[in-house]
Amino acid sequence: MPSTSYLVAVLAIVFTITLALRAVPFVVLGRLRDSVIVRRLAVWMPVGILAILAVTALHGTIATEPHGTWYALLAVAVTIAVHLAFGRRTILGVGFGTAVYVVLLNAL
């Protein structure tokens, strides 16, 4: 069993590294806040991440379920519509789209 001082030293090192790694992006972003690239990334990155997530998540279902393709396309359309209609709230759009997909997949 390691000594108490050894465990405290390890925890202090881990805490310091974790805090530094979490703080670095905020320090760097503070200096780049006026950058055109950062502003463009702020607009397009969430859309890109959601597109990649949708393609990866729906690929298996579309490939195995014959009716899943239409359900998935309808759910994606609902997600986009809710996202745009309610002030670009991503969680709300994804939630409604997921609910529509699950209901269609299980009910029909």
N, C-alpha and C. Protein backbone atom coordinates (compact mmCIF):
# COMPACT_ATOMS: atom_id res chain seq x y z
N MET A 1 0.84 -1.18 0.00
CA MET A 1 0.00 0.00 0.00
C MET A 1 0.89 1.24 0.00
N PRO A 2 0.67 2.14 -0.97
CA PRO A 2 1.47 3.37 -1.02
C PRO A 2 1.19 4.26 0.19
N SER A 3 2.18 5.06 0.51
CA SER A 3 2.02 5.95 1.66
C SER A 3 1.06 7.09 1.32
N THR A 4 0.58 7.74 2.36
CA THR A 4 -0.37 8.84 2.19
C THR A 4 0.26 10.01 1.46
N SER A 5 1.49 10.31 1.75
CA SER A 5 2.15 11.44 1.08
C SER A 5 2.31 11.16 -0.42
N TYR A 6 2.58 9.91 -0.77
CA TYR A 6 2.69 9.54 -2.19
C TYR A 6 1.35 9.73 -2.89
N LEU A 7 0.25 9.29 -2.29
CA LEU A 7 -1.08 9.44 -2.88
C LEU A 7 -1.47 10.91 -3.02
N VAL A 8 -1.15 11.72 -2.02
CA VAL A 8 -1.45 13.15 -2.09
C VAL A 8 -0.64 13.81 -3.20
N ALA A 9 0.61 13.42 -3.35
CA ALA A 9 1.45 13.97 -4.41
C ALA A 9 0.91 13.59 -5.79
N VAL A 10 0.50 12.35 -5.96
CA VAL A 10 -0.06 11.90 -7.23
C VAL A 10 -1.36 12.66 -7.54
N LEU A 11 -2.22 12.80 -6.55
CA LEU A 11 -3.47 13.52 -6.75
C LEU A 11 -3.22 15.00 -7.08
N ALA A 12 -2.22 15.61 -6.46
CA ALA A 12 -1.89 17.00 -6.75
C ALA A 12 -1.39 17.15 -8.19
N ILE A 13 -0.56 16.21 -8.63
CA ILE A 13 -0.06 16.25 -10.01
C ILE A 13 -1.19 16.05 -11.00
N VAL A 14 -2.04 15.08 -10.74
CA VAL A 14 -3.18 14.82 -11.63
C VAL A 14 -4.11 16.02 -11.67
N PHE A 15 -4.38 16.62 -10.54
CA PHE A 15 -5.24 17.81 -10.48
C PHE A 15 -4.64 18.95 -11.28
N THR A 16 -3.35 19.19 -11.13
CA THR A 16 -2.68 20.29 -11.83
C THR A 16 -2.71 20.07 -13.34
N ILE A 17 -2.40 18.86 -13.78
CA ILE A 17 -2.42 18.57 -15.22
C ILE A 17 -3.82 18.70 -15.79
N THR A 18 -4.81 18.17 -15.10
CA THR A 18 -6.19 18.25 -15.57
C THR A 18 -6.65 19.70 -15.65
N LEU A 19 -6.39 20.48 -14.63
CA LEU A 19 -6.79 21.88 -14.64
C LEU A 19 -6.10 22.64 -15.77
N ALA A 20 -4.81 22.38 -15.98
CA ALA A 20 -4.09 23.06 -17.05
C ALA A 20 -4.64 22.68 -18.42
N LEU A 21 -4.92 21.40 -18.64
CA LEU A 21 -5.44 20.97 -19.93
C LEU A 21 -6.83 21.52 -20.21
N ARG A 22 -7.62 21.71 -19.18
CA ARG A 22 -8.96 22.28 -19.38
C ARG A 22 -8.92 23.79 -19.54
N ALA A 23 -7.91 24.44 -19.00
CA ALA A 23 -7.81 25.90 -19.08
C ALA A 23 -7.18 26.38 -20.38
N VAL A 24 -6.31 25.58 -20.97
CA VAL A 24 -5.58 26.00 -22.17
C VAL A 24 -6.51 26.41 -23.31
N PRO A 25 -7.56 25.65 -23.65
CA PRO A 25 -8.42 26.08 -24.75
C PRO A 25 -9.07 27.44 -24.51
N PHE A 26 -9.44 27.74 -23.28
CA PHE A 26 -10.07 29.03 -22.98
C PHE A 26 -9.07 30.17 -23.11
N VAL A 27 -7.84 29.95 -22.70
CA VAL A 27 -6.81 30.98 -22.81
C VAL A 27 -6.52 31.25 -24.29
N VAL A 28 -6.37 30.18 -25.07
CA VAL A 28 -6.07 30.34 -26.50
C VAL A 28 -7.26 30.97 -27.21
N LEU A 29 -8.47 30.52 -26.91
CA LEU A 29 -9.66 31.06 -27.56
C LEU A 29 -9.86 32.53 -27.22
N GLY A 30 -9.50 32.93 -26.02
CA GLY A 30 -9.61 34.34 -25.65
C GLY A 30 -8.78 35.23 -26.55
N ARG A 31 -7.64 34.74 -26.97
CA ARG A 31 -6.77 35.52 -27.86
C ARG A 31 -7.25 35.46 -29.30
N LEU A 32 -7.97 34.41 -29.66
CA LEU A 32 -8.41 34.24 -31.05
C LEU A 32 -9.87 34.63 -31.26
N ARG A 33 -10.52 35.18 -30.27
CA ARG A 33 -11.94 35.47 -30.34
C ARG A 33 -12.32 36.37 -31.51
N ASP A 34 -11.45 37.27 -31.89
CA ASP A 34 -11.74 38.19 -33.00
C ASP A 34 -11.37 37.60 -34.36
N SER A 35 -10.89 36.38 -34.38
CA SER A 35 -10.45 35.76 -35.62
C SER A 35 -11.65 35.35 -36.49
N VAL A 36 -11.53 35.54 -37.79
CA VAL A 36 -12.58 35.16 -38.73
C VAL A 36 -12.74 33.64 -38.76
N ILE A 37 -11.64 32.93 -38.67
CA ILE A 37 -11.69 31.47 -38.71
C ILE A 37 -12.47 30.92 -37.52
N VAL A 38 -12.23 31.46 -36.34
CA VAL A 38 -12.93 30.99 -35.14
C VAL A 38 -14.43 31.27 -35.25
N ARG A 39 -14.79 32.42 -35.79
CA ARG A 39 -16.21 32.73 -35.96
C ARG A 39 -16.86 31.78 -36.95
N ARG A 40 -16.17 31.47 -38.04
CA ARG A 40 -16.72 30.52 -39.01
C ARG A 40 -16.83 29.11 -38.42
N LEU A 41 -15.83 28.72 -37.66
CA LEU A 41 -15.89 27.41 -37.00
C LEU A 41 -17.06 27.35 -36.02
N ALA A 42 -17.33 28.44 -35.33
CA ALA A 42 -18.44 28.47 -34.38
C ALA A 42 -19.78 28.26 -35.08
N VAL A 43 -19.88 28.67 -36.34
CA VAL A 43 -21.12 28.50 -37.09
C VAL A 43 -21.21 27.11 -37.69
N TRP A 44 -20.13 26.64 -38.31
CA TRP A 44 -20.19 25.40 -39.09
C TRP A 44 -19.84 24.13 -38.33
N MET A 45 -19.11 24.23 -37.26
CA MET A 45 -18.68 23.04 -36.56
C MET A 45 -19.85 22.25 -35.95
N PRO A 46 -20.82 22.88 -35.28
CA PRO A 46 -21.94 22.09 -34.77
C PRO A 46 -22.71 21.37 -35.87
N VAL A 47 -22.88 22.02 -37.01
CA VAL A 47 -23.59 21.39 -38.13
C VAL A 47 -22.81 20.19 -38.64
N GLY A 48 -21.51 20.34 -38.77
CA GLY A 48 -20.67 19.24 -39.23
C GLY A 48 -20.67 18.07 -38.28
N ILE A 49 -20.59 18.37 -36.99
CA ILE A 49 -20.59 17.30 -35.99
C ILE A 49 -21.92 16.56 -36.01
N LEU A 50 -23.03 17.29 -36.10
CA LEU A 50 -24.34 16.64 -36.16
C LEU A 50 -24.50 15.82 -37.43
N ALA A 51 -23.97 16.30 -38.54
CA ALA A 51 -24.06 15.54 -39.79
C ALA A 51 -23.28 14.24 -39.68
N ILE A 52 -22.08 14.31 -39.15
CA ILE A 52 -21.28 13.10 -38.97
C ILE A 52 -21.97 12.14 -38.01
N LEU A 53 -22.51 12.66 -36.92
CA LEU A 53 -23.22 11.84 -35.96
C LEU A 53 -24.44 11.17 -36.59
N ALA A 54 -25.19 11.91 -37.38
CA ALA A 54 -26.39 11.36 -38.02
C ALA A 54 -26.02 10.27 -39.02
N VAL A 55 -25.03 10.52 -39.83
CA VAL A 55 -24.63 9.51 -40.82
C VAL A 55 -24.14 8.24 -40.12
N THR A 56 -23.32 8.38 -39.09
CA THR A 56 -22.81 7.20 -38.40
C THR A 56 -23.90 6.45 -37.66
N ALA A 57 -24.77 7.19 -37.00
CA ALA A 57 -25.81 6.53 -36.21
C ALA A 57 -26.86 5.85 -37.08
N LEU A 58 -27.21 6.48 -38.19
CA LEU A 58 -28.28 5.94 -39.02
C LEU A 58 -27.80 4.92 -40.05
N HIS A 59 -26.51 4.81 -40.26
CA HIS A 59 -26.00 3.89 -41.28
C HIS A 59 -26.42 2.45 -41.01
N GLY A 60 -26.25 2.00 -39.78
CA GLY A 60 -26.60 0.62 -39.45
C GLY A 60 -28.08 0.34 -39.60
N THR A 61 -28.91 1.23 -39.16
CA THR A 61 -30.35 1.04 -39.25
C THR A 61 -30.83 1.07 -40.69
N ILE A 62 -30.31 2.00 -41.46
CA ILE A 62 -30.72 2.11 -42.85
C ILE A 62 -30.30 0.86 -43.63
N ALA A 63 -29.15 0.32 -43.31
CA ALA A 63 -28.64 -0.85 -44.02
C ALA A 63 -29.42 -2.11 -43.66
N THR A 64 -29.92 -2.21 -42.44
CA THR A 64 -30.59 -3.45 -42.02
C THR A 64 -32.11 -3.39 -42.08
N GLU A 65 -32.68 -2.23 -41.91
CA GLU A 65 -34.14 -2.07 -41.87
C GLU A 65 -34.63 -1.46 -43.18
N PRO A 66 -35.48 -2.19 -43.94
CA PRO A 66 -35.91 -1.65 -45.23
C PRO A 66 -36.72 -0.36 -45.12
N HIS A 67 -37.60 -0.27 -44.14
CA HIS A 67 -38.41 0.94 -43.97
C HIS A 67 -37.66 2.01 -43.18
N GLY A 68 -36.54 1.65 -42.60
CA GLY A 68 -35.77 2.58 -41.78
C GLY A 68 -35.26 3.78 -42.54
N THR A 69 -35.05 3.62 -43.84
CA THR A 69 -34.55 4.74 -44.64
C THR A 69 -35.54 5.89 -44.65
N TRP A 70 -36.79 5.59 -44.91
CA TRP A 70 -37.82 6.65 -44.95
C TRP A 70 -38.05 7.24 -43.58
N TYR A 71 -38.04 6.39 -42.56
CA TYR A 71 -38.21 6.89 -41.19
C TYR A 71 -37.05 7.82 -40.82
N ALA A 72 -35.85 7.41 -41.19
CA ALA A 72 -34.67 8.23 -40.87
C ALA A 72 -34.71 9.56 -41.61
N LEU A 73 -35.08 9.54 -42.88
CA LEU A 73 -35.17 10.79 -43.63
C LEU A 73 -36.24 11.72 -43.07
N LEU A 74 -37.38 11.15 -42.66
CA LEU A 74 -38.43 11.95 -42.05
C LEU A 74 -37.95 12.53 -40.71
N ALA A 75 -37.25 11.73 -39.92
CA ALA A 75 -36.74 12.20 -38.63
C ALA A 75 -35.69 13.30 -38.83
N VAL A 76 -34.85 13.17 -39.84
CA VAL A 76 -33.87 14.21 -40.14
C VAL A 76 -34.57 15.49 -40.55
N ALA A 77 -35.63 15.37 -41.36
CA ALA A 77 -36.39 16.55 -41.78
C ALA A 77 -37.04 17.23 -40.57
N VAL A 78 -37.60 16.44 -39.65
CA VAL A 78 -38.19 17.00 -38.44
C VAL A 78 -37.12 17.68 -37.59
N THR A 79 -35.96 17.06 -37.48
CA THR A 79 -34.86 17.65 -36.72
C THR A 79 -34.47 19.01 -37.28
N ILE A 80 -34.32 19.08 -38.60
CA ILE A 80 -33.94 20.34 -39.24
C ILE A 80 -35.04 21.39 -39.06
N ALA A 81 -36.29 20.98 -39.25
CA ALA A 81 -37.40 21.93 -39.13
C ALA A 81 -37.51 22.49 -37.71
N VAL A 82 -37.44 21.62 -36.71
CA VAL A 82 -37.53 22.07 -35.32
C VAL A 82 -36.33 22.94 -34.97
N HIS A 83 -35.16 22.56 -35.45
CA HIS A 83 -33.96 23.33 -35.18
C HIS A 83 -34.08 24.75 -35.73
N LEU A 84 -34.58 24.88 -36.94
CA LEU A 84 -34.72 26.20 -37.54
C LEU A 84 -35.91 26.97 -37.00
N ALA A 85 -36.99 26.28 -36.66
CA ALA A 85 -38.21 26.96 -36.20
C ALA A 85 -38.08 27.49 -34.78
N PHE A 86 -37.28 26.85 -33.96
CA PHE A 86 -37.20 27.25 -32.55
C PHE A 86 -35.86 27.88 -32.20
N GLY A 87 -35.34 28.70 -33.09
CA GLY A 87 -34.16 29.49 -32.77
C GLY A 87 -32.87 28.72 -32.71
N ARG A 88 -32.68 27.74 -33.58
CA ARG A 88 -31.43 26.97 -33.69
C ARG A 88 -31.05 26.33 -32.37
N ARG A 89 -32.02 25.74 -31.71
CA ARG A 89 -31.74 25.00 -30.47
C ARG A 89 -31.48 23.54 -30.83
N THR A 90 -30.22 23.18 -30.80
CA THR A 90 -29.79 21.87 -31.27
C THR A 90 -30.41 20.74 -30.46
N ILE A 91 -30.41 20.86 -29.16
CA ILE A 91 -30.92 19.79 -28.31
C ILE A 91 -32.40 19.55 -28.57
N LEU A 92 -33.14 20.63 -28.75
CA LEU A 92 -34.56 20.51 -29.02
C LEU A 92 -34.79 19.80 -30.35
N GLY A 93 -34.06 20.20 -31.38
CA GLY A 93 -34.19 19.55 -32.69
C GLY A 93 -33.83 18.09 -32.65
N VAL A 94 -32.71 17.76 -32.03
CA VAL A 94 -32.28 16.37 -31.93
C VAL A 94 -33.27 15.56 -31.11
N GLY A 95 -33.79 16.15 -30.05
CA GLY A 95 -34.78 15.45 -29.22
C GLY A 95 -36.05 15.11 -29.99
N PHE A 96 -36.59 16.09 -30.70
CA PHE A 96 -37.81 15.84 -31.48
C PHE A 96 -37.54 14.86 -32.61
N GLY A 97 -36.42 15.01 -33.30
CA GLY A 97 -36.08 14.10 -34.39
C GLY A 97 -35.92 12.67 -33.90
N THR A 98 -35.26 12.51 -32.77
CA THR A 98 -35.09 11.18 -32.20
C THR A 98 -36.42 10.59 -31.79
N ALA A 99 -37.27 11.41 -31.18
CA ALA A 99 -38.61 10.91 -30.78
C ALA A 99 -39.41 10.47 -31.98
N VAL A 100 -39.40 11.25 -33.05
CA VAL A 100 -40.13 10.88 -34.26
C VAL A 100 -39.59 9.58 -34.82
N TYR A 101 -38.28 9.43 -34.86
CA TYR A 101 -37.68 8.22 -35.41
C TYR A 101 -38.04 6.99 -34.59
N VAL A 102 -37.95 7.11 -33.26
CA VAL A 102 -38.26 5.98 -32.39
C VAL A 102 -39.73 5.59 -32.50
N VAL A 103 -40.60 6.59 -32.53
CA VAL A 103 -42.04 6.31 -32.65
C VAL A 103 -42.33 5.62 -33.99
N LEU A 104 -41.78 6.15 -35.06
CA LEU A 104 -42.02 5.54 -36.38
C LEU A 104 -41.46 4.14 -36.46
N LEU A 105 -40.30 3.93 -35.92
CA LEU A 105 -39.65 2.61 -35.98
C LEU A 105 -40.41 1.58 -35.16
N ASN A 106 -40.96 1.99 -34.03
CA ASN A 106 -41.63 1.03 -33.14
C ASN A 106 -43.13 0.91 -33.42
N ALA A 107 -43.75 1.97 -33.94
CA ALA A 107 -45.20 1.95 -34.13
C ALA A 107 -45.59 1.38 -35.49
N LEU A 108 -44.79 1.60 -36.49
CA LEU A 108 -45.17 1.16 -37.83
C LEU A 108 -44.42 -0.07 -38.27
